[in-house]
């Protein structure tokens, strides 16, 4: 199980229970009995657009990108980090409808899988699960409103720089211009032009599929 071998399945589930302050003994027993943990690899789809949601997937380790696709362009919705789940998938659990997003792993990780028939039941049966559901919706809504404000009022050049800074590791981001274009919902030509302007302003330097923030 790769880098997760040290952490047992029980420990991963215990981390989830502690993080979301799940107190009911019956719910903890049901999680142990009804849910299961699985591994995913970088590049693997956890959710596919237009497919019915059969299980709610809660990320326990790794990072997942949730996005919508229109022809050859992608719109980033959000990234999922450990102990988070996709709000759009969560809502689908209550309506038995198809997903309208894709979710793809950006690195290896683990997920907690909960069959959808229990997701709604537990929301009415257990206070802590109801709280987890409500908090997931609220936090996602706040994040989407913040991103919408950026999209509506912040110039693309500024959004691009903010994205590079946020996603960089030691001031270096390994992304192609095409990847950045997909994640920011624009074209490769626009991204290339903006990056050249940022380089001319001595804000970044450009390499082969890499960007360094100065």
N, C-alpha and C. Protein backbone atom coordinates (compact mmCIF):
# COMPACT_ATOMS: atom_id res chain seq x y z
N UNK A 1 0.81 -1.21 0.00
CA UNK A 1 0.00 0.00 0.00
C UNK A 1 0.85 1.26 0.00
N UNK A 2 2.07 1.14 -0.53
CA UNK A 2 2.91 2.31 -0.71
C UNK A 2 3.21 3.04 0.58
N UNK A 3 3.19 4.37 0.48
CA UNK A 3 3.57 5.17 1.64
C UNK A 3 2.53 5.14 2.74
N UNK A 4 1.38 4.48 2.50
CA UNK A 4 0.35 4.37 3.52
C UNK A 4 0.45 3.07 4.29
N UNK A 5 1.48 2.27 4.00
CA UNK A 5 1.59 0.97 4.64
C UNK A 5 1.73 1.09 6.14
N UNK A 6 2.42 2.13 6.60
CA UNK A 6 2.64 2.31 8.04
C UNK A 6 1.32 2.58 8.76
N UNK A 7 0.46 3.34 8.12
CA UNK A 7 -0.84 3.63 8.71
C UNK A 7 -1.80 2.52 8.35
N UNK A 8 -2.30 1.82 9.36
CA UNK A 8 -3.24 0.74 9.11
C UNK A 8 -4.60 1.31 8.73
N UNK A 9 -5.44 0.45 8.18
CA UNK A 9 -6.80 0.85 7.85
C UNK A 9 -7.51 1.38 9.09
N UNK A 10 -7.34 0.70 10.22
CA UNK A 10 -7.99 1.12 11.46
C UNK A 10 -7.55 2.51 11.87
N UNK A 11 -6.26 2.80 11.69
CA UNK A 11 -5.73 4.11 12.08
C UNK A 11 -6.29 5.21 11.18
N UNK A 12 -6.42 4.94 9.90
CA UNK A 12 -6.98 5.92 8.98
C UNK A 12 -8.42 6.24 9.34
N UNK A 13 -9.20 5.21 9.65
CA UNK A 13 -10.59 5.43 10.03
C UNK A 13 -10.66 6.16 11.37
N UNK A 14 -9.77 5.82 12.27
CA UNK A 14 -9.72 6.50 13.57
C UNK A 14 -9.42 7.99 13.39
N UNK A 15 -8.53 8.32 12.46
CA UNK A 15 -8.21 9.73 12.18
C UNK A 15 -9.44 10.47 11.69
N UNK A 16 -10.20 9.82 10.81
CA UNK A 16 -11.42 10.45 10.28
C UNK A 16 -12.42 10.69 11.41
N UNK A 17 -12.60 9.71 12.26
CA UNK A 17 -13.55 9.82 13.36
C UNK A 17 -13.16 10.94 14.32
N UNK A 18 -11.87 11.06 14.61
CA UNK A 18 -11.40 12.12 15.51
C UNK A 18 -11.52 13.49 14.86
N UNK A 19 -11.15 13.59 13.59
CA UNK A 19 -11.18 14.88 12.90
C UNK A 19 -12.58 15.46 12.87
N UNK A 20 -13.58 14.61 12.66
CA UNK A 20 -14.95 15.10 12.53
C UNK A 20 -15.77 14.90 13.80
N UNK A 21 -15.05 14.60 14.89
CA UNK A 21 -15.67 14.52 16.22
C UNK A 21 -16.92 13.63 16.24
N UNK A 22 -16.76 12.46 15.70
CA UNK A 22 -17.85 11.48 15.71
C UNK A 22 -17.83 10.77 17.06
N UNK A 23 -18.94 10.89 17.79
CA UNK A 23 -18.99 10.40 19.17
C UNK A 23 -19.87 9.17 19.34
N UNK A 24 -20.91 9.03 18.51
CA UNK A 24 -21.87 7.95 18.73
C UNK A 24 -21.22 6.58 18.50
N UNK A 25 -21.32 5.72 19.50
CA UNK A 25 -20.73 4.39 19.39
C UNK A 25 -21.36 3.59 18.26
N UNK A 26 -22.68 3.75 18.09
CA UNK A 26 -23.37 3.00 17.03
C UNK A 26 -22.88 3.42 15.65
N UNK A 27 -22.63 4.73 15.47
CA UNK A 27 -22.14 5.22 14.18
C UNK A 27 -20.71 4.71 13.93
N UNK A 28 -19.90 4.72 14.95
CA UNK A 28 -18.53 4.21 14.81
C UNK A 28 -18.56 2.73 14.42
N UNK A 29 -19.47 1.98 15.04
CA UNK A 29 -19.60 0.57 14.69
C UNK A 29 -20.07 0.41 13.24
N UNK A 30 -21.01 1.27 12.83
CA UNK A 30 -21.51 1.18 11.45
C UNK A 30 -20.42 1.56 10.44
N UNK A 31 -19.61 2.56 10.77
CA UNK A 31 -18.50 2.93 9.90
C UNK A 31 -17.53 1.76 9.73
N UNK A 32 -17.24 1.09 10.83
CA UNK A 32 -16.34 -0.06 10.76
C UNK A 32 -16.94 -1.23 9.99
N UNK A 33 -18.27 -1.35 10.08
CA UNK A 33 -18.95 -2.48 9.47
C UNK A 33 -19.35 -2.24 8.01
N UNK A 34 -19.82 -1.01 7.72
CA UNK A 34 -20.42 -0.74 6.40
C UNK A 34 -19.46 -0.05 5.43
N UNK A 35 -18.54 0.75 5.94
CA UNK A 35 -17.61 1.48 5.07
C UNK A 35 -16.34 0.65 4.85
N UNK A 36 -15.60 1.01 3.81
CA UNK A 36 -14.32 0.33 3.55
C UNK A 36 -13.32 1.33 2.96
N UNK A 37 -12.07 1.04 3.14
CA UNK A 37 -10.99 1.93 2.69
C UNK A 37 -10.29 1.30 1.50
N UNK A 38 -10.01 2.12 0.49
CA UNK A 38 -9.30 1.63 -0.69
C UNK A 38 -8.22 2.62 -1.11
N UNK A 39 -7.30 2.14 -1.91
CA UNK A 39 -6.17 2.94 -2.38
C UNK A 39 -6.46 3.45 -3.79
N UNK A 40 -5.96 4.63 -4.11
CA UNK A 40 -6.03 5.11 -5.49
C UNK A 40 -4.65 5.60 -5.93
N UNK A 41 -4.44 5.59 -7.24
CA UNK A 41 -3.17 6.00 -7.81
C UNK A 41 -3.30 7.34 -8.52
N UNK A 42 -2.20 8.03 -8.64
CA UNK A 42 -2.18 9.29 -9.38
C UNK A 42 -2.73 9.08 -10.79
N UNK A 43 -3.63 9.97 -11.21
CA UNK A 43 -4.22 9.87 -12.53
C UNK A 43 -5.49 9.04 -12.59
N UNK A 44 -5.86 8.41 -11.48
CA UNK A 44 -7.07 7.58 -11.44
C UNK A 44 -8.31 8.44 -11.20
N UNK A 45 -9.39 8.13 -11.89
CA UNK A 45 -10.65 8.83 -11.68
C UNK A 45 -11.38 8.24 -10.48
N UNK A 46 -11.74 9.10 -9.53
CA UNK A 46 -12.55 8.66 -8.40
C UNK A 46 -14.03 8.88 -8.69
N UNK A 47 -14.32 9.91 -9.48
CA UNK A 47 -15.68 10.23 -9.89
C UNK A 47 -15.63 10.57 -11.37
N UNK A 48 -16.62 10.09 -12.12
CA UNK A 48 -16.70 10.42 -13.54
C UNK A 48 -18.03 11.11 -13.84
N UNK A 49 -17.93 12.13 -14.67
CA UNK A 49 -19.12 12.86 -15.07
C UNK A 49 -20.16 11.94 -15.72
N UNK A 50 -21.41 12.17 -15.36
CA UNK A 50 -22.55 11.45 -15.94
C UNK A 50 -22.69 10.01 -15.46
N UNK A 51 -21.92 9.66 -14.41
CA UNK A 51 -22.07 8.35 -13.78
C UNK A 51 -22.84 8.49 -12.47
N UNK A 52 -23.65 7.49 -12.15
CA UNK A 52 -24.34 7.51 -10.87
C UNK A 52 -23.34 7.33 -9.72
N UNK A 53 -23.59 8.01 -8.63
CA UNK A 53 -22.76 7.88 -7.45
C UNK A 53 -23.22 6.66 -6.66
N UNK A 54 -22.37 5.67 -6.53
CA UNK A 54 -22.70 4.46 -5.80
C UNK A 54 -22.16 4.48 -4.37
N UNK A 55 -21.01 5.16 -4.21
CA UNK A 55 -20.42 5.30 -2.88
C UNK A 55 -19.93 6.73 -2.70
N UNK A 56 -20.03 7.22 -1.49
CA UNK A 56 -19.44 8.52 -1.16
C UNK A 56 -17.98 8.27 -0.82
N UNK A 57 -17.10 9.01 -1.48
CA UNK A 57 -15.66 8.83 -1.28
C UNK A 57 -15.12 10.00 -0.46
N UNK A 58 -14.54 9.70 0.68
CA UNK A 58 -13.94 10.70 1.55
C UNK A 58 -12.42 10.50 1.52
N UNK A 59 -11.71 11.53 1.11
CA UNK A 59 -10.25 11.42 0.97
C UNK A 59 -9.61 11.32 2.35
N UNK A 60 -8.80 10.29 2.54
CA UNK A 60 -8.06 10.11 3.79
C UNK A 60 -6.59 10.48 3.63
N UNK A 61 -6.10 10.42 2.42
CA UNK A 61 -4.71 10.78 2.13
C UNK A 61 -4.56 11.06 0.66
N UNK A 62 -3.65 11.97 0.31
CA UNK A 62 -3.46 12.34 -1.09
C UNK A 62 -4.24 13.60 -1.43
N UNK A 63 -4.30 13.91 -2.73
CA UNK A 63 -5.00 15.11 -3.20
C UNK A 63 -5.76 14.78 -4.47
N UNK A 64 -6.98 15.33 -4.56
CA UNK A 64 -7.88 15.03 -5.68
C UNK A 64 -8.38 16.34 -6.27
N UNK A 65 -8.38 16.43 -7.60
CA UNK A 65 -8.88 17.62 -8.30
C UNK A 65 -10.28 17.35 -8.83
N UNK A 66 -11.20 18.23 -8.47
CA UNK A 66 -12.59 18.12 -8.92
C UNK A 66 -12.82 19.21 -9.97
N UNK A 67 -13.34 18.82 -11.13
CA UNK A 67 -13.49 19.79 -12.20
C UNK A 67 -14.65 19.42 -13.12
N UNK A 68 -15.09 20.41 -13.89
CA UNK A 68 -16.07 20.19 -14.94
C UNK A 68 -15.38 20.38 -16.28
N UNK A 69 -15.89 19.69 -17.28
CA UNK A 69 -15.25 19.71 -18.60
C UNK A 69 -16.28 20.12 -19.65
N UNK A 70 -15.86 21.02 -20.52
CA UNK A 70 -16.71 21.46 -21.62
C UNK A 70 -15.87 21.48 -22.89
N UNK A 71 -16.13 20.51 -23.77
CA UNK A 71 -15.34 20.31 -24.97
C UNK A 71 -13.88 20.07 -24.57
N UNK A 72 -12.95 20.96 -24.94
CA UNK A 72 -11.55 20.72 -24.61
C UNK A 72 -11.07 21.60 -23.46
N UNK A 73 -12.02 22.20 -22.72
CA UNK A 73 -11.64 23.08 -21.61
C UNK A 73 -12.16 22.53 -20.30
N UNK A 74 -11.37 22.77 -19.25
CA UNK A 74 -11.75 22.33 -17.92
C UNK A 74 -11.93 23.54 -17.01
N UNK A 75 -12.86 23.41 -16.08
CA UNK A 75 -13.06 24.42 -15.06
C UNK A 75 -12.80 23.77 -13.70
N UNK A 76 -11.77 24.22 -13.02
CA UNK A 76 -11.46 23.69 -11.70
C UNK A 76 -12.55 24.11 -10.72
N UNK A 77 -13.12 23.14 -10.01
CA UNK A 77 -14.11 23.44 -8.97
C UNK A 77 -13.41 23.63 -7.63
N UNK A 78 -12.66 22.61 -7.22
CA UNK A 78 -11.85 22.70 -6.01
C UNK A 78 -10.94 21.48 -5.93
N UNK A 79 -10.03 21.53 -4.99
CA UNK A 79 -9.19 20.37 -4.66
C UNK A 79 -9.67 19.77 -3.35
N UNK A 80 -9.62 18.45 -3.26
CA UNK A 80 -9.95 17.75 -2.02
C UNK A 80 -8.67 17.33 -1.33
N UNK A 81 -8.60 17.66 -0.04
CA UNK A 81 -7.46 17.28 0.79
C UNK A 81 -7.92 16.21 1.78
N UNK A 82 -7.00 15.63 2.55
CA UNK A 82 -7.39 14.60 3.51
C UNK A 82 -8.53 15.04 4.43
N UNK A 83 -9.46 14.14 4.65
CA UNK A 83 -10.65 14.29 5.50
C UNK A 83 -11.74 15.11 4.84
N UNK A 84 -11.64 15.32 3.51
CA UNK A 84 -12.66 16.06 2.78
C UNK A 84 -13.35 15.16 1.76
N UNK A 85 -14.59 15.54 1.41
CA UNK A 85 -15.31 14.83 0.36
C UNK A 85 -15.89 15.82 -0.63
N UNK A 86 -16.29 15.33 -1.77
CA UNK A 86 -16.85 16.18 -2.82
C UNK A 86 -18.30 16.52 -2.48
N UNK A 87 -18.59 17.81 -2.31
CA UNK A 87 -19.94 18.25 -1.96
C UNK A 87 -20.95 17.85 -3.02
N UNK A 88 -20.56 17.94 -4.28
CA UNK A 88 -21.49 17.61 -5.36
C UNK A 88 -21.84 16.13 -5.34
N UNK A 89 -20.88 15.29 -4.95
CA UNK A 89 -21.17 13.86 -4.81
C UNK A 89 -22.04 13.61 -3.58
N UNK A 90 -21.77 14.35 -2.53
CA UNK A 90 -22.56 14.22 -1.31
C UNK A 90 -24.03 14.55 -1.59
N UNK A 91 -24.27 15.62 -2.34
CA UNK A 91 -25.65 15.99 -2.65
C UNK A 91 -26.31 14.94 -3.53
N UNK A 92 -25.52 14.32 -4.42
CA UNK A 92 -26.06 13.27 -5.29
C UNK A 92 -26.52 12.05 -4.49
N UNK A 93 -25.89 11.83 -3.33
CA UNK A 93 -26.28 10.71 -2.48
C UNK A 93 -27.71 10.85 -1.97
N UNK A 94 -28.19 12.08 -1.84
CA UNK A 94 -29.54 12.33 -1.33
C UNK A 94 -30.59 12.31 -2.44
N UNK A 95 -30.15 12.36 -3.70
CA UNK A 95 -31.10 12.49 -4.80
C UNK A 95 -31.03 11.34 -5.79
N UNK A 96 -30.07 10.43 -5.62
CA UNK A 96 -29.89 9.33 -6.55
C UNK A 96 -29.78 9.84 -7.99
N UNK A 97 -28.87 10.80 -8.19
CA UNK A 97 -28.70 11.38 -9.52
C UNK A 97 -27.26 11.17 -9.99
N UNK A 98 -27.02 11.52 -11.24
CA UNK A 98 -25.70 11.34 -11.82
C UNK A 98 -24.77 12.48 -11.41
N UNK A 99 -23.49 12.19 -11.40
CA UNK A 99 -22.48 13.21 -11.11
C UNK A 99 -22.37 14.18 -12.28
N UNK A 100 -22.13 15.44 -11.98
CA UNK A 100 -21.89 16.43 -13.04
C UNK A 100 -20.46 16.96 -12.99
N UNK A 101 -19.57 16.21 -12.32
CA UNK A 101 -18.16 16.59 -12.25
C UNK A 101 -17.29 15.35 -12.42
N UNK A 102 -16.02 15.61 -12.69
CA UNK A 102 -14.98 14.58 -12.64
C UNK A 102 -14.12 14.84 -11.42
N UNK A 103 -13.57 13.77 -10.85
CA UNK A 103 -12.60 13.90 -9.77
C UNK A 103 -11.44 12.97 -10.08
N UNK A 104 -10.24 13.55 -10.19
CA UNK A 104 -9.07 12.77 -10.58
C UNK A 104 -7.95 12.96 -9.55
N UNK A 105 -7.25 11.89 -9.25
CA UNK A 105 -6.18 11.94 -8.26
C UNK A 105 -4.95 12.65 -8.81
N UNK A 106 -4.44 13.61 -8.05
CA UNK A 106 -3.21 14.30 -8.43
C UNK A 106 -1.99 13.65 -7.78
N UNK A 107 -2.23 12.77 -6.82
CA UNK A 107 -1.16 11.98 -6.21
C UNK A 107 -1.79 10.73 -5.60
N UNK A 108 -0.96 9.74 -5.30
CA UNK A 108 -1.47 8.52 -4.69
C UNK A 108 -2.14 8.83 -3.36
N UNK A 109 -3.13 8.02 -2.98
CA UNK A 109 -3.80 8.27 -1.72
C UNK A 109 -4.75 7.16 -1.34
N UNK A 110 -5.60 7.46 -0.35
CA UNK A 110 -6.57 6.51 0.17
C UNK A 110 -7.91 7.20 0.34
N UNK A 111 -8.99 6.44 0.17
CA UNK A 111 -10.33 6.98 0.39
C UNK A 111 -11.15 6.05 1.27
N UNK A 112 -12.05 6.68 2.03
CA UNK A 112 -13.06 5.96 2.78
C UNK A 112 -14.30 5.90 1.90
N UNK A 113 -14.80 4.70 1.63
CA UNK A 113 -15.95 4.51 0.75
C UNK A 113 -17.18 4.15 1.59
N UNK A 114 -18.25 4.95 1.42
CA UNK A 114 -19.48 4.70 2.16
C UNK A 114 -20.62 4.53 1.15
N UNK A 115 -21.26 3.36 1.10
CA UNK A 115 -22.38 3.17 0.18
C UNK A 115 -23.45 4.24 0.39
N UNK A 116 -24.00 4.74 -0.72
CA UNK A 116 -24.88 5.91 -0.65
C UNK A 116 -26.12 5.68 0.21
N UNK A 117 -26.59 4.44 0.31
CA UNK A 117 -27.82 4.21 1.07
C UNK A 117 -27.66 4.54 2.54
N UNK A 118 -26.40 4.55 3.03
CA UNK A 118 -26.18 4.87 4.43
C UNK A 118 -25.97 6.37 4.66
N UNK A 119 -25.54 7.08 3.64
CA UNK A 119 -25.21 8.50 3.80
C UNK A 119 -26.42 9.28 4.26
N UNK A 120 -27.54 9.10 3.58
CA UNK A 120 -28.76 9.82 3.96
C UNK A 120 -29.31 9.31 5.29
N UNK A 121 -29.31 8.01 5.50
CA UNK A 121 -29.82 7.42 6.74
C UNK A 121 -29.09 8.01 7.95
N UNK A 122 -27.77 8.04 7.85
CA UNK A 122 -26.98 8.50 8.99
C UNK A 122 -27.20 9.99 9.28
N UNK A 123 -27.52 10.76 8.26
CA UNK A 123 -27.74 12.20 8.47
C UNK A 123 -28.95 12.45 9.36
N UNK A 124 -29.94 11.57 9.30
CA UNK A 124 -31.13 11.70 10.15
C UNK A 124 -30.97 10.95 11.48
N UNK A 125 -30.08 9.99 11.48
CA UNK A 125 -29.96 9.10 12.63
C UNK A 125 -28.91 9.56 13.65
N UNK A 126 -27.83 10.20 13.14
CA UNK A 126 -26.72 10.56 14.02
C UNK A 126 -26.40 12.05 13.94
N UNK A 127 -26.33 12.69 15.08
CA UNK A 127 -26.07 14.13 15.11
C UNK A 127 -24.70 14.47 14.52
N UNK A 128 -23.68 13.71 14.85
CA UNK A 128 -22.33 14.04 14.37
C UNK A 128 -22.21 13.87 12.85
N UNK A 129 -22.93 12.89 12.26
CA UNK A 129 -22.90 12.73 10.82
C UNK A 129 -23.68 13.86 10.14
N UNK A 130 -24.79 14.26 10.77
CA UNK A 130 -25.54 15.41 10.26
C UNK A 130 -24.66 16.65 10.26
N UNK A 131 -23.88 16.83 11.32
CA UNK A 131 -22.98 17.98 11.42
C UNK A 131 -21.90 17.92 10.35
N UNK A 132 -21.35 16.74 10.12
CA UNK A 132 -20.35 16.56 9.06
C UNK A 132 -20.94 16.95 7.71
N UNK A 133 -22.17 16.52 7.44
CA UNK A 133 -22.83 16.83 6.17
C UNK A 133 -23.04 18.33 6.02
N UNK A 134 -23.59 18.97 7.05
CA UNK A 134 -23.86 20.40 6.99
C UNK A 134 -22.57 21.20 6.85
N UNK A 135 -21.54 20.82 7.61
CA UNK A 135 -20.26 21.53 7.54
C UNK A 135 -19.62 21.39 6.16
N UNK A 136 -19.76 20.21 5.56
CA UNK A 136 -19.22 20.00 4.21
C UNK A 136 -19.89 20.93 3.21
N UNK A 137 -21.21 21.02 3.28
CA UNK A 137 -21.94 21.92 2.38
C UNK A 137 -21.55 23.38 2.63
N UNK A 138 -21.47 23.78 3.89
CA UNK A 138 -21.19 25.18 4.22
C UNK A 138 -19.78 25.58 3.78
N UNK A 139 -18.80 24.75 4.07
CA UNK A 139 -17.42 25.08 3.71
C UNK A 139 -17.25 25.12 2.19
N UNK A 140 -17.89 24.20 1.49
CA UNK A 140 -17.81 24.18 0.03
C UNK A 140 -18.48 25.42 -0.56
N UNK A 141 -19.63 25.79 0.00
CA UNK A 141 -20.34 26.97 -0.49
C UNK A 141 -19.47 28.22 -0.32
N UNK A 142 -18.84 28.37 0.84
CA UNK A 142 -17.98 29.53 1.10
C UNK A 142 -16.81 29.56 0.12
N UNK A 143 -16.23 28.37 -0.13
CA UNK A 143 -15.10 28.29 -1.06
C UNK A 143 -15.52 28.67 -2.47
N UNK A 144 -16.68 28.17 -2.89
CA UNK A 144 -17.16 28.47 -4.25
C UNK A 144 -17.49 29.94 -4.42
N UNK A 145 -18.07 30.56 -3.37
CA UNK A 145 -18.37 31.99 -3.43
C UNK A 145 -17.08 32.80 -3.55
N UNK A 146 -16.07 32.41 -2.78
CA UNK A 146 -14.77 33.10 -2.84
C UNK A 146 -14.17 32.98 -4.24
N UNK A 147 -14.23 31.77 -4.81
CA UNK A 147 -13.68 31.58 -6.15
C UNK A 147 -14.48 32.31 -7.21
N UNK A 148 -15.79 32.36 -7.03
CA UNK A 148 -16.62 33.09 -7.98
C UNK A 148 -16.26 34.58 -7.96
N UNK A 149 -16.02 35.10 -6.76
CA UNK A 149 -15.64 36.52 -6.64
C UNK A 149 -14.33 36.79 -7.37
N UNK A 150 -13.39 35.86 -7.23
CA UNK A 150 -12.12 36.02 -7.94
C UNK A 150 -12.33 35.98 -9.44
N UNK A 151 -13.16 35.04 -9.87
CA UNK A 151 -13.42 34.90 -11.30
C UNK A 151 -14.09 36.15 -11.86
N UNK A 152 -14.99 36.74 -11.07
CA UNK A 152 -15.76 37.88 -11.55
C UNK A 152 -14.98 39.19 -11.48
N UNK A 153 -14.14 39.35 -10.45
CA UNK A 153 -13.55 40.66 -10.20
C UNK A 153 -12.02 40.72 -10.31
N UNK A 154 -11.35 39.57 -10.27
CA UNK A 154 -9.89 39.58 -10.30
C UNK A 154 -9.38 39.30 -11.71
N UNK A 155 -8.48 40.12 -12.23
CA UNK A 155 -7.94 39.88 -13.57
C UNK A 155 -7.27 38.51 -13.64
N UNK A 156 -7.34 37.90 -14.82
CA UNK A 156 -6.79 36.56 -15.01
C UNK A 156 -5.30 36.53 -14.69
N UNK A 157 -4.58 37.58 -15.00
CA UNK A 157 -3.15 37.63 -14.70
C UNK A 157 -2.90 37.47 -13.21
N UNK A 158 -3.70 38.14 -12.39
CA UNK A 158 -3.56 38.04 -10.93
C UNK A 158 -3.97 36.66 -10.43
N UNK A 159 -5.04 36.11 -11.02
CA UNK A 159 -5.47 34.77 -10.61
C UNK A 159 -4.41 33.73 -10.96
N UNK A 160 -3.78 33.92 -12.11
CA UNK A 160 -2.72 33.01 -12.53
C UNK A 160 -1.55 33.06 -11.55
N UNK A 161 -1.13 34.25 -11.18
CA UNK A 161 -0.01 34.38 -10.25
C UNK A 161 -0.37 33.81 -8.88
N UNK A 162 -1.57 34.09 -8.41
CA UNK A 162 -2.01 33.53 -7.12
C UNK A 162 -2.00 32.01 -7.16
N UNK A 163 -2.45 31.46 -8.29
CA UNK A 163 -2.50 30.00 -8.43
C UNK A 163 -1.09 29.42 -8.42
N UNK A 164 -0.17 30.05 -9.14
CA UNK A 164 1.21 29.56 -9.19
C UNK A 164 1.84 29.58 -7.79
N UNK A 165 1.62 30.66 -7.06
CA UNK A 165 2.19 30.79 -5.72
C UNK A 165 1.59 29.74 -4.79
N UNK A 166 0.28 29.57 -4.86
CA UNK A 166 -0.41 28.64 -3.98
C UNK A 166 0.01 27.20 -4.22
N UNK A 167 0.19 26.83 -5.49
CA UNK A 167 0.46 25.43 -5.82
C UNK A 167 1.95 25.10 -5.92
N UNK A 168 2.81 26.11 -5.84
CA UNK A 168 4.24 25.86 -6.00
C UNK A 168 4.84 25.16 -4.78
N UNK A 169 5.92 24.47 -5.01
CA UNK A 169 6.67 23.81 -3.95
C UNK A 169 8.08 24.39 -3.95
N UNK A 170 8.44 25.08 -2.87
CA UNK A 170 9.71 25.80 -2.81
C UNK A 170 9.84 26.77 -3.99
N UNK A 171 8.75 27.48 -4.25
CA UNK A 171 8.68 28.52 -5.29
C UNK A 171 8.75 27.97 -6.72
N UNK A 172 8.59 26.66 -6.88
CA UNK A 172 8.63 26.07 -8.23
C UNK A 172 7.34 25.29 -8.47
N UNK A 173 6.72 25.56 -9.60
CA UNK A 173 5.51 24.84 -10.00
C UNK A 173 5.79 24.07 -11.28
N UNK A 174 5.57 22.77 -11.24
CA UNK A 174 5.76 21.93 -12.42
C UNK A 174 4.42 21.73 -13.12
N UNK A 175 4.17 22.57 -14.11
CA UNK A 175 2.94 22.50 -14.90
C UNK A 175 3.24 22.97 -16.32
N UNK A 176 2.58 22.37 -17.26
CA UNK A 176 2.67 22.87 -18.63
C UNK A 176 1.68 24.01 -18.80
N UNK A 177 1.87 24.81 -19.85
CA UNK A 177 0.94 25.90 -20.12
C UNK A 177 -0.46 25.35 -20.39
N UNK A 178 -0.52 24.19 -21.03
CA UNK A 178 -1.82 23.57 -21.32
C UNK A 178 -2.53 23.14 -20.04
N UNK A 179 -1.77 22.60 -19.08
CA UNK A 179 -2.36 22.20 -17.80
C UNK A 179 -2.91 23.41 -17.05
N UNK A 180 -2.13 24.49 -17.02
CA UNK A 180 -2.59 25.70 -16.35
C UNK A 180 -3.85 26.24 -17.01
N UNK A 181 -3.89 26.19 -18.32
CA UNK A 181 -5.06 26.68 -19.05
C UNK A 181 -6.30 25.88 -18.67
N UNK A 182 -6.16 24.57 -18.57
CA UNK A 182 -7.30 23.73 -18.18
C UNK A 182 -7.76 24.06 -16.77
N UNK A 183 -6.82 24.23 -15.85
CA UNK A 183 -7.18 24.44 -14.46
C UNK A 183 -7.75 25.82 -14.21
N UNK A 184 -7.43 26.77 -15.07
CA UNK A 184 -7.95 28.13 -14.91
C UNK A 184 -9.07 28.45 -15.91
N UNK A 185 -9.44 27.48 -16.72
CA UNK A 185 -10.57 27.65 -17.61
C UNK A 185 -10.34 28.63 -18.74
N UNK A 186 -9.15 28.59 -19.33
CA UNK A 186 -8.86 29.49 -20.45
C UNK A 186 -8.09 28.71 -21.51
N UNK A 187 -7.40 29.40 -22.40
CA UNK A 187 -6.66 28.72 -23.47
C UNK A 187 -5.16 28.75 -23.19
N UNK A 188 -4.46 27.81 -23.83
CA UNK A 188 -3.00 27.76 -23.65
C UNK A 188 -2.35 29.04 -24.16
N UNK A 189 -2.87 29.60 -25.25
CA UNK A 189 -2.27 30.81 -25.82
C UNK A 189 -2.37 31.98 -24.84
N UNK A 190 -3.49 32.10 -24.17
CA UNK A 190 -3.66 33.18 -23.18
C UNK A 190 -2.70 33.00 -22.02
N UNK A 191 -2.58 31.76 -21.52
CA UNK A 191 -1.65 31.49 -20.41
C UNK A 191 -0.22 31.79 -20.81
N UNK A 192 0.18 31.38 -22.00
CA UNK A 192 1.55 31.62 -22.47
C UNK A 192 1.83 33.12 -22.54
N UNK A 193 0.88 33.87 -23.03
CA UNK A 193 1.07 35.32 -23.13
C UNK A 193 1.20 35.97 -21.75
N UNK A 194 0.37 35.53 -20.80
CA UNK A 194 0.43 36.09 -19.45
C UNK A 194 1.73 35.70 -18.73
N UNK A 195 2.17 34.48 -18.94
CA UNK A 195 3.41 34.03 -18.31
C UNK A 195 4.61 34.81 -18.85
N UNK A 196 4.62 35.06 -20.14
CA UNK A 196 5.71 35.86 -20.72
C UNK A 196 5.71 37.27 -20.15
N UNK A 197 4.53 37.81 -19.91
CA UNK A 197 4.43 39.15 -19.30
C UNK A 197 4.95 39.12 -17.86
N UNK A 198 4.60 38.06 -17.11
CA UNK A 198 5.11 37.92 -15.74
C UNK A 198 6.62 37.75 -15.73
N UNK A 199 7.16 37.04 -16.72
CA UNK A 199 8.60 36.87 -16.81
C UNK A 199 9.27 38.19 -17.17
N UNK A 200 8.67 38.94 -18.08
CA UNK A 200 9.22 40.25 -18.46
C UNK A 200 9.22 41.22 -17.27
N UNK A 201 8.22 41.06 -16.38
CA UNK A 201 8.14 41.90 -15.18
C UNK A 201 9.04 41.38 -14.07
N UNK A 202 9.80 40.31 -14.34
CA UNK A 202 10.73 39.69 -13.39
C UNK A 202 10.01 39.19 -12.13
N UNK A 203 8.82 38.62 -12.36
CA UNK A 203 8.06 38.02 -11.27
C UNK A 203 8.27 36.51 -11.25
N UNK A 204 8.43 35.93 -12.45
CA UNK A 204 8.70 34.50 -12.57
C UNK A 204 9.76 34.28 -13.64
N UNK A 205 10.34 33.07 -13.61
CA UNK A 205 11.17 32.63 -14.72
C UNK A 205 10.56 31.33 -15.24
N UNK A 206 10.61 31.14 -16.56
CA UNK A 206 9.97 29.99 -17.19
C UNK A 206 10.99 28.96 -17.60
N UNK A 207 10.68 27.69 -17.33
CA UNK A 207 11.51 26.59 -17.75
C UNK A 207 10.70 25.61 -18.57
N UNK A 208 11.23 24.43 -18.78
CA UNK A 208 10.53 23.38 -19.52
C UNK A 208 9.48 22.76 -18.61
N UNK A 209 8.22 23.14 -18.81
CA UNK A 209 7.10 22.68 -17.97
C UNK A 209 7.32 23.02 -16.50
N UNK A 210 7.99 24.12 -16.23
CA UNK A 210 8.18 24.55 -14.85
C UNK A 210 8.16 26.09 -14.79
N UNK A 211 7.75 26.60 -13.63
CA UNK A 211 7.69 28.03 -13.39
C UNK A 211 8.28 28.28 -12.01
N UNK A 212 9.21 29.22 -11.96
CA UNK A 212 9.83 29.58 -10.69
C UNK A 212 9.41 30.98 -10.31
N UNK A 213 8.91 31.12 -9.08
CA UNK A 213 8.52 32.44 -8.56
C UNK A 213 9.75 33.11 -7.96
N UNK A 214 10.03 34.33 -8.41
CA UNK A 214 11.22 35.04 -7.95
C UNK A 214 10.95 35.80 -6.65
